[in-house]
C-alpha cells in the first residue's frame, strides 16, 4: 500500500466508523488541524500516536511505518486547482500575500514566517450575514541571517 492508498483507506474507515477528525485528535492529544493533515499524509505520525490511530481506525498495524514516514508535502497541485475550498485559499494568498509579506517586513524586519515552527487553527465566527471561517496561521518569525561562508 502506498501513502495515497492509505489516505483513501483512512478516510473511508473514519467515515464508516462515524469518527470525527476532532475525536481522532483528542485520542492522541494533538491539535485537530495537525492530526487531520497528518492522517491525510502531510506529517509523519510518531509511532505511539500511530498505534492509537491505527486501532481507532481499524487499520492493519503494518501501516504504522508508512504513517511515520516523512512525506512529500503539498505536491497535489491538481487538487489545489480543482477543489473550490483549497483554490480559494490559494486565491486569498494570491490577492493578500504581497500585502501580508510587506506587513511582516514592516513589523518584524527582513525575514519570513516559519511553516516549520508553526500552528494553524480554524474557528467559526457567527455573523448576521452568514457564519465566517476564521483561519489563524501562527508561525515563528525567522529573520534572514546573511552570513558569509568564512
N, C-alpha and C. Protein backbone atom coordinates (compact mmCIF):
# COMPACT_ATOMS: atom_id res chain seq x y z
N UNK A 1 0.86 -1.18 0.00
CA UNK A 1 0.00 0.00 0.00
C UNK A 1 0.90 1.23 0.00
N UNK A 2 0.57 2.21 -0.85
CA UNK A 2 1.31 3.47 -0.83
C UNK A 2 0.55 4.51 -0.01
N UNK A 3 1.12 5.70 0.14
CA UNK A 3 0.53 6.72 1.01
C UNK A 3 -0.80 7.23 0.49
N UNK A 4 -0.95 7.33 -0.82
CA UNK A 4 -2.22 7.79 -1.39
C UNK A 4 -3.31 6.76 -1.10
N UNK A 5 -3.01 5.49 -1.28
CA UNK A 5 -3.99 4.43 -0.98
C UNK A 5 -4.32 4.41 0.50
N UNK A 6 -3.31 4.59 1.36
CA UNK A 6 -3.55 4.61 2.80
C UNK A 6 -4.47 5.76 3.18
N UNK A 7 -4.26 6.92 2.58
CA UNK A 7 -5.13 8.07 2.86
C UNK A 7 -6.58 7.76 2.49
N UNK A 8 -6.78 7.09 1.37
CA UNK A 8 -8.13 6.70 0.97
C UNK A 8 -8.76 5.74 1.97
N UNK A 9 -7.98 4.79 2.48
CA UNK A 9 -8.48 3.83 3.47
C UNK A 9 -8.79 4.55 4.79
N UNK A 10 -7.90 5.45 5.20
CA UNK A 10 -8.14 6.22 6.43
C UNK A 10 -9.45 6.99 6.32
N UNK A 11 -9.65 7.66 5.21
CA UNK A 11 -10.87 8.45 5.01
C UNK A 11 -12.10 7.55 5.05
N UNK A 12 -12.06 6.44 4.35
CA UNK A 12 -13.21 5.51 4.32
C UNK A 12 -13.48 4.95 5.71
N UNK A 13 -12.44 4.52 6.42
CA UNK A 13 -12.63 3.95 7.75
C UNK A 13 -13.13 4.97 8.75
N UNK A 14 -12.63 6.19 8.66
CA UNK A 14 -13.10 7.24 9.56
C UNK A 14 -14.59 7.46 9.39
N UNK A 15 -15.03 7.53 8.14
CA UNK A 15 -16.45 7.76 7.86
C UNK A 15 -17.29 6.56 8.29
N UNK A 16 -16.84 5.37 7.93
CA UNK A 16 -17.63 4.17 8.25
C UNK A 16 -17.74 3.93 9.75
N UNK A 17 -16.75 4.37 10.50
CA UNK A 17 -16.78 4.21 11.96
C UNK A 17 -17.42 5.40 12.66
N UNK A 18 -17.85 6.41 11.90
CA UNK A 18 -18.51 7.57 12.47
C UNK A 18 -17.59 8.43 13.32
N UNK A 19 -16.31 8.42 12.99
CA UNK A 19 -15.34 9.21 13.76
C UNK A 19 -15.17 10.59 13.15
N UNK A 20 -15.02 11.58 14.00
CA UNK A 20 -14.71 12.92 13.52
C UNK A 20 -13.19 13.12 13.60
N UNK A 21 -12.70 14.10 12.86
CA UNK A 21 -11.29 14.44 12.96
C UNK A 21 -10.96 14.86 14.39
N UNK A 22 -11.87 15.58 15.03
CA UNK A 22 -11.65 16.03 16.41
C UNK A 22 -11.51 14.85 17.35
N UNK A 23 -12.33 13.81 17.20
CA UNK A 23 -12.21 12.63 18.05
C UNK A 23 -10.84 11.96 17.89
N UNK A 24 -10.37 11.90 16.66
CA UNK A 24 -9.05 11.30 16.41
C UNK A 24 -7.95 12.16 17.02
N UNK A 25 -8.07 13.47 16.90
CA UNK A 25 -7.09 14.38 17.50
C UNK A 25 -7.09 14.24 19.02
N UNK A 26 -8.27 14.16 19.61
CA UNK A 26 -8.38 14.02 21.06
C UNK A 26 -7.73 12.71 21.53
N UNK A 27 -7.84 11.67 20.72
CA UNK A 27 -7.28 10.36 21.09
C UNK A 27 -5.77 10.41 21.23
N UNK A 28 -5.11 11.31 20.51
CA UNK A 28 -3.65 11.41 20.59
C UNK A 28 -3.20 12.73 21.21
N UNK A 29 -4.14 13.50 21.71
CA UNK A 29 -3.85 14.77 22.38
C UNK A 29 -3.03 15.72 21.50
N UNK A 30 -3.51 15.88 20.26
CA UNK A 30 -2.87 16.79 19.30
C UNK A 30 -3.92 17.75 18.77
N UNK A 31 -3.50 18.88 18.22
CA UNK A 31 -4.46 19.80 17.59
C UNK A 31 -5.16 19.13 16.41
N UNK A 32 -6.41 19.47 16.21
CA UNK A 32 -7.21 18.83 15.17
C UNK A 32 -6.68 19.10 13.77
N UNK A 33 -6.19 20.30 13.51
CA UNK A 33 -5.69 20.59 12.16
C UNK A 33 -4.43 19.77 11.89
N UNK A 34 -3.53 19.68 12.87
CA UNK A 34 -2.32 18.88 12.70
C UNK A 34 -2.68 17.42 12.46
N UNK A 35 -3.57 16.89 13.28
CA UNK A 35 -3.96 15.48 13.17
C UNK A 35 -4.58 15.19 11.82
N UNK A 36 -5.47 16.06 11.38
CA UNK A 36 -6.13 15.87 10.08
C UNK A 36 -5.09 15.89 8.97
N UNK A 37 -4.21 16.89 8.99
CA UNK A 37 -3.16 16.97 7.97
C UNK A 37 -2.27 15.72 8.00
N UNK A 38 -1.92 15.27 9.20
CA UNK A 38 -1.06 14.08 9.33
C UNK A 38 -1.75 12.85 8.75
N UNK A 39 -3.02 12.67 9.08
CA UNK A 39 -3.74 11.50 8.56
C UNK A 39 -3.98 11.60 7.06
N UNK A 40 -3.95 12.80 6.53
CA UNK A 40 -4.07 12.98 5.08
C UNK A 40 -2.70 12.92 4.39
N UNK A 41 -1.65 12.60 5.16
CA UNK A 41 -0.34 12.35 4.58
C UNK A 41 0.63 13.49 4.57
N UNK A 42 0.39 14.55 5.36
CA UNK A 42 1.24 15.73 5.31
C UNK A 42 2.24 15.84 6.47
N UNK A 43 2.17 14.96 7.46
CA UNK A 43 3.13 14.95 8.58
C UNK A 43 3.41 13.51 8.96
N UNK A 44 4.64 13.22 9.39
CA UNK A 44 4.89 11.89 9.94
C UNK A 44 4.24 11.79 11.32
N UNK A 45 3.65 10.66 11.61
CA UNK A 45 2.98 10.45 12.90
C UNK A 45 3.89 9.57 13.75
N UNK A 46 4.31 10.07 14.93
CA UNK A 46 5.16 9.26 15.79
C UNK A 46 4.49 7.92 16.14
N UNK A 47 5.29 6.89 16.29
CA UNK A 47 4.79 5.53 16.48
C UNK A 47 3.73 5.40 17.59
N UNK A 48 3.95 5.95 18.80
CA UNK A 48 2.92 5.77 19.84
C UNK A 48 1.55 6.31 19.42
N UNK A 49 1.56 7.46 18.73
CA UNK A 49 0.31 8.05 18.27
C UNK A 49 -0.26 7.26 17.10
N UNK A 50 0.61 6.80 16.22
CA UNK A 50 0.16 5.98 15.09
C UNK A 50 -0.52 4.71 15.57
N UNK A 51 0.02 4.11 16.61
CA UNK A 51 -0.59 2.88 17.16
C UNK A 51 -2.02 3.13 17.64
N UNK A 52 -2.23 4.26 18.29
CA UNK A 52 -3.57 4.61 18.77
C UNK A 52 -4.51 4.84 17.58
N UNK A 53 -4.03 5.59 16.60
CA UNK A 53 -4.88 5.91 15.44
C UNK A 53 -5.19 4.67 14.61
N UNK A 54 -4.23 3.78 14.47
CA UNK A 54 -4.46 2.53 13.74
C UNK A 54 -5.57 1.73 14.40
N UNK A 55 -5.54 1.67 15.72
CA UNK A 55 -6.59 0.95 16.44
C UNK A 55 -7.95 1.62 16.26
N UNK A 56 -7.98 2.93 16.45
CA UNK A 56 -9.25 3.67 16.30
C UNK A 56 -9.85 3.51 14.91
N UNK A 57 -8.98 3.51 13.90
CA UNK A 57 -9.43 3.46 12.50
C UNK A 57 -9.56 2.04 11.96
N UNK A 58 -9.21 1.04 12.77
CA UNK A 58 -9.32 -0.34 12.32
C UNK A 58 -8.37 -0.69 11.19
N UNK A 59 -7.16 -0.14 11.25
CA UNK A 59 -6.16 -0.38 10.21
C UNK A 59 -5.23 -1.51 10.64
N UNK A 60 -4.59 -2.16 9.68
CA UNK A 60 -3.57 -3.16 9.98
C UNK A 60 -2.35 -2.47 10.57
N UNK A 61 -1.70 -3.11 11.52
CA UNK A 61 -0.53 -2.50 12.16
C UNK A 61 0.64 -2.35 11.19
N UNK A 62 0.61 -3.06 10.06
CA UNK A 62 1.72 -2.93 9.11
C UNK A 62 1.77 -1.56 8.43
N UNK A 63 0.76 -0.71 8.63
CA UNK A 63 0.80 0.65 8.04
C UNK A 63 1.48 1.65 8.97
N UNK A 64 1.82 1.25 10.19
CA UNK A 64 2.43 2.18 11.15
C UNK A 64 3.72 2.81 10.60
N UNK A 65 4.63 2.03 9.99
CA UNK A 65 5.83 2.68 9.43
C UNK A 65 5.50 3.70 8.33
N UNK A 66 4.49 3.41 7.54
CA UNK A 66 4.09 4.35 6.49
C UNK A 66 3.52 5.64 7.10
N UNK A 67 2.77 5.51 8.17
CA UNK A 67 2.26 6.70 8.86
C UNK A 67 3.39 7.54 9.44
N UNK A 68 4.50 6.90 9.80
CA UNK A 68 5.64 7.60 10.38
C UNK A 68 6.65 8.11 9.38
N UNK A 69 6.46 7.77 8.11
CA UNK A 69 7.42 8.19 7.09
C UNK A 69 7.32 9.69 6.83
N UNK A 70 8.46 10.31 6.54
CA UNK A 70 8.47 11.73 6.19
C UNK A 70 7.84 11.87 4.81
N UNK A 71 6.80 12.69 4.69
CA UNK A 71 6.07 12.81 3.43
C UNK A 71 6.70 13.81 2.46
N UNK A 72 6.26 13.74 1.24
CA UNK A 72 6.49 14.82 0.28
C UNK A 72 5.27 15.72 0.43
N UNK A 73 5.47 16.89 0.98
CA UNK A 73 4.34 17.75 1.35
C UNK A 73 3.87 18.64 0.20
N UNK A 74 2.56 18.86 0.17
CA UNK A 74 1.97 19.86 -0.71
C UNK A 74 2.21 19.65 -2.19
N UNK A 75 2.23 18.41 -2.65
CA UNK A 75 2.57 18.16 -4.04
C UNK A 75 1.36 18.00 -4.95
N UNK A 76 0.17 17.91 -4.41
CA UNK A 76 -1.01 17.64 -5.25
C UNK A 76 -1.61 18.93 -5.78
N UNK A 77 -0.98 19.50 -6.80
CA UNK A 77 -1.45 20.76 -7.39
C UNK A 77 -2.79 20.60 -8.09
N UNK A 78 -3.08 19.39 -8.61
CA UNK A 78 -4.37 19.18 -9.27
C UNK A 78 -5.52 19.40 -8.30
N UNK A 79 -5.38 18.91 -7.07
CA UNK A 79 -6.42 19.12 -6.07
C UNK A 79 -6.54 20.61 -5.77
N UNK A 80 -5.42 21.29 -5.67
CA UNK A 80 -5.44 22.73 -5.36
C UNK A 80 -6.20 23.52 -6.41
N UNK A 81 -6.09 23.13 -7.63
CA UNK A 81 -6.75 23.87 -8.70
C UNK A 81 -8.17 23.39 -8.98
N UNK A 82 -8.53 22.21 -8.50
CA UNK A 82 -9.87 21.70 -8.80
C UNK A 82 -10.82 21.73 -7.61
N UNK A 83 -10.29 21.76 -6.39
CA UNK A 83 -11.16 21.80 -5.21
C UNK A 83 -11.45 23.26 -4.86
N UNK A 84 -12.73 23.65 -4.83
CA UNK A 84 -13.06 25.07 -4.61
C UNK A 84 -12.55 25.64 -3.29
N UNK A 85 -12.59 24.87 -2.22
CA UNK A 85 -12.13 25.40 -0.93
C UNK A 85 -10.63 25.65 -0.96
N UNK A 86 -9.87 24.68 -1.44
CA UNK A 86 -8.42 24.83 -1.49
C UNK A 86 -8.04 25.93 -2.48
N UNK A 87 -8.72 25.98 -3.61
CA UNK A 87 -8.43 27.02 -4.59
C UNK A 87 -8.64 28.41 -3.99
N UNK A 88 -9.70 28.59 -3.20
CA UNK A 88 -9.98 29.90 -2.60
C UNK A 88 -8.87 30.30 -1.63
N UNK A 89 -8.26 29.34 -0.97
CA UNK A 89 -7.13 29.66 -0.10
C UNK A 89 -5.94 30.14 -0.93
N UNK A 90 -5.69 29.47 -2.07
CA UNK A 90 -4.65 29.95 -2.99
C UNK A 90 -4.99 31.35 -3.47
N UNK A 91 -6.25 31.57 -3.81
CA UNK A 91 -6.68 32.87 -4.30
C UNK A 91 -6.48 33.94 -3.23
N UNK A 92 -6.83 33.62 -1.98
CA UNK A 92 -6.65 34.59 -0.90
C UNK A 92 -5.18 34.96 -0.74
N UNK A 93 -4.29 33.97 -0.85
CA UNK A 93 -2.87 34.28 -0.75
C UNK A 93 -2.35 35.02 -1.98
N UNK A 94 -2.92 34.71 -3.14
CA UNK A 94 -2.52 35.44 -4.34
C UNK A 94 -2.88 36.92 -4.22
N UNK A 95 -4.05 37.20 -3.64
CA UNK A 95 -4.51 38.58 -3.51
C UNK A 95 -3.83 39.28 -2.33
N UNK A 96 -3.78 38.62 -1.18
CA UNK A 96 -3.30 39.27 0.04
C UNK A 96 -1.86 38.93 0.41
N UNK A 97 -1.26 37.93 -0.25
CA UNK A 97 0.10 37.52 0.07
C UNK A 97 1.12 38.65 0.01
N UNK A 98 1.15 39.43 -1.07
CA UNK A 98 2.12 40.53 -1.12
C UNK A 98 1.92 41.54 0.01
N UNK A 99 0.67 41.83 0.37
CA UNK A 99 0.42 42.78 1.46
C UNK A 99 0.85 42.18 2.80
N UNK A 100 0.57 40.89 3.00
CA UNK A 100 0.99 40.22 4.24
C UNK A 100 2.51 40.25 4.34
N UNK A 101 3.19 39.96 3.24
CA UNK A 101 4.66 39.99 3.21
C UNK A 101 5.17 41.37 3.59
N UNK A 102 4.62 42.42 2.99
CA UNK A 102 5.04 43.77 3.30
C UNK A 102 4.84 44.10 4.77
N UNK A 103 3.71 43.69 5.31
CA UNK A 103 3.41 44.00 6.71
C UNK A 103 4.29 43.20 7.67
N UNK A 104 4.63 41.97 7.31
CA UNK A 104 5.59 41.20 8.12
C UNK A 104 6.92 41.94 8.15
N UNK A 105 7.38 42.39 7.00
CA UNK A 105 8.67 43.09 6.94
C UNK A 105 8.60 44.42 7.69
N UNK A 106 7.49 45.13 7.56
CA UNK A 106 7.36 46.41 8.25
C UNK A 106 7.34 46.23 9.76
N UNK A 107 6.67 45.18 10.24
CA UNK A 107 6.51 44.99 11.67
C UNK A 107 7.61 44.16 12.33
N UNK A 108 8.28 43.30 11.56
CA UNK A 108 9.27 42.41 12.15
C UNK A 108 10.67 42.61 11.59
N UNK A 109 10.78 43.13 10.38
CA UNK A 109 12.07 43.26 9.72
C UNK A 109 12.18 42.27 8.57
N UNK A 110 13.38 42.14 8.03
CA UNK A 110 13.63 41.29 6.89
C UNK A 110 13.67 39.82 7.33
N UNK A 111 12.65 39.08 6.97
CA UNK A 111 12.58 37.68 7.37
C UNK A 111 11.30 37.04 6.87
N UNK A 112 11.01 35.87 7.42
CA UNK A 112 9.84 35.10 6.98
C UNK A 112 9.07 34.57 8.18
N UNK A 113 7.86 34.12 7.91
CA UNK A 113 7.08 33.38 8.89
C UNK A 113 7.35 31.91 8.64
N UNK A 114 7.80 31.21 9.67
CA UNK A 114 8.11 29.80 9.54
C UNK A 114 6.84 28.98 9.36
N UNK A 115 6.91 27.99 8.49
CA UNK A 115 5.84 26.99 8.38
C UNK A 115 6.33 25.67 8.98
N UNK A 116 7.51 25.71 9.59
CA UNK A 116 8.04 24.53 10.29
C UNK A 116 7.75 24.68 11.78
N UNK A 117 8.07 25.84 12.34
CA UNK A 117 7.71 26.16 13.72
C UNK A 117 6.39 26.89 13.62
N UNK A 118 5.28 26.15 13.60
CA UNK A 118 4.03 26.67 13.06
C UNK A 118 2.83 25.95 13.67
N UNK A 119 1.74 26.66 13.78
CA UNK A 119 0.46 26.03 14.09
C UNK A 119 -0.63 26.73 13.30
N UNK A 120 -1.74 26.04 13.13
CA UNK A 120 -2.87 26.60 12.40
C UNK A 120 -4.13 26.19 13.15
N UNK A 121 -5.10 27.08 13.17
CA UNK A 121 -6.36 26.79 13.86
C UNK A 121 -7.51 27.29 13.00
N UNK A 122 -8.63 26.63 13.10
CA UNK A 122 -9.83 27.01 12.35
C UNK A 122 -10.97 27.19 13.35
N UNK A 123 -11.66 28.31 13.23
CA UNK A 123 -12.80 28.59 14.10
C UNK A 123 -13.97 29.08 13.27
N UNK A 124 -15.14 29.04 13.87
CA UNK A 124 -16.35 29.58 13.28
C UNK A 124 -16.72 30.83 14.05
N UNK A 125 -17.06 31.89 13.31
CA UNK A 125 -17.49 33.14 13.93
C UNK A 125 -18.88 33.45 13.40
N UNK A 126 -19.81 33.62 14.31
CA UNK A 126 -21.18 33.96 13.93
C UNK A 126 -21.22 35.37 13.37
N UNK A 127 -21.98 35.54 12.29
CA UNK A 127 -22.10 36.84 11.65
C UNK A 127 -23.51 36.96 11.12
N UNK A 128 -24.13 38.14 11.17
CA UNK A 128 -25.51 38.30 10.73
C UNK A 128 -25.76 37.90 9.27
N UNK A 129 -24.76 38.02 8.42
CA UNK A 129 -24.96 37.67 7.01
C UNK A 129 -24.54 36.24 6.68
N UNK A 130 -24.11 35.51 7.68
CA UNK A 130 -23.67 34.11 7.49
C UNK A 130 -22.39 33.86 8.27
N UNK A 131 -22.27 32.67 8.79
CA UNK A 131 -21.10 32.34 9.60
C UNK A 131 -19.81 32.57 8.81
N UNK A 132 -18.77 32.94 9.53
CA UNK A 132 -17.46 33.25 8.96
C UNK A 132 -16.47 32.15 9.33
N UNK A 133 -15.54 31.89 8.45
CA UNK A 133 -14.44 30.97 8.70
C UNK A 133 -13.24 31.81 9.13
N UNK A 134 -12.69 31.49 10.30
CA UNK A 134 -11.52 32.20 10.81
C UNK A 134 -10.35 31.22 10.81
N UNK A 135 -9.34 31.52 10.02
CA UNK A 135 -8.15 30.68 9.95
C UNK A 135 -7.00 31.47 10.55
N UNK A 136 -6.37 30.91 11.56
CA UNK A 136 -5.24 31.55 12.21
C UNK A 136 -3.97 30.79 11.86
N UNK A 137 -3.04 31.47 11.21
CA UNK A 137 -1.72 30.92 10.91
C UNK A 137 -0.76 31.51 11.93
N UNK A 138 -0.08 30.67 12.67
CA UNK A 138 0.77 31.12 13.76
C UNK A 138 2.17 30.55 13.55
N UNK A 139 3.04 31.36 12.91
CA UNK A 139 4.39 30.90 12.62
C UNK A 139 5.43 31.78 13.28
N UNK A 140 6.51 31.15 13.69
CA UNK A 140 7.62 31.87 14.29
C UNK A 140 8.27 32.77 13.24
N UNK A 141 8.62 33.99 13.64
CA UNK A 141 9.34 34.88 12.73
C UNK A 141 10.79 34.45 12.70
N UNK A 142 11.31 34.29 11.49
CA UNK A 142 12.71 33.92 11.31
C UNK A 142 13.40 35.03 10.51
N UNK A 143 14.27 35.82 11.15
CA UNK A 143 14.96 36.87 10.42
C UNK A 143 15.98 36.26 9.47
N UNK A 144 16.17 36.90 8.34
CA UNK A 144 17.24 36.47 7.44
C UNK A 144 18.56 36.77 8.14
N UNK A 145 19.47 35.84 8.03
CA UNK A 145 20.78 35.97 8.65
C UNK A 145 21.82 35.78 7.57
N UNK A 146 22.20 36.88 6.94
CA UNK A 146 23.12 36.84 5.81
C UNK A 146 24.54 36.76 6.33
N UNK A 147 25.08 35.56 6.28
CA UNK A 147 26.46 35.36 6.73
C UNK A 147 27.31 34.85 5.58
N UNK A 148 28.57 35.17 5.62
CA UNK A 148 29.45 34.68 4.58
C UNK A 148 29.88 33.26 4.92
N UNK A 149 30.48 32.60 3.96
CA UNK A 149 30.93 31.23 4.16
C UNK A 149 32.26 31.14 4.90
N UNK A 150 32.71 32.26 5.48
CA UNK A 150 34.02 32.28 6.17
C UNK A 150 33.95 31.56 7.49
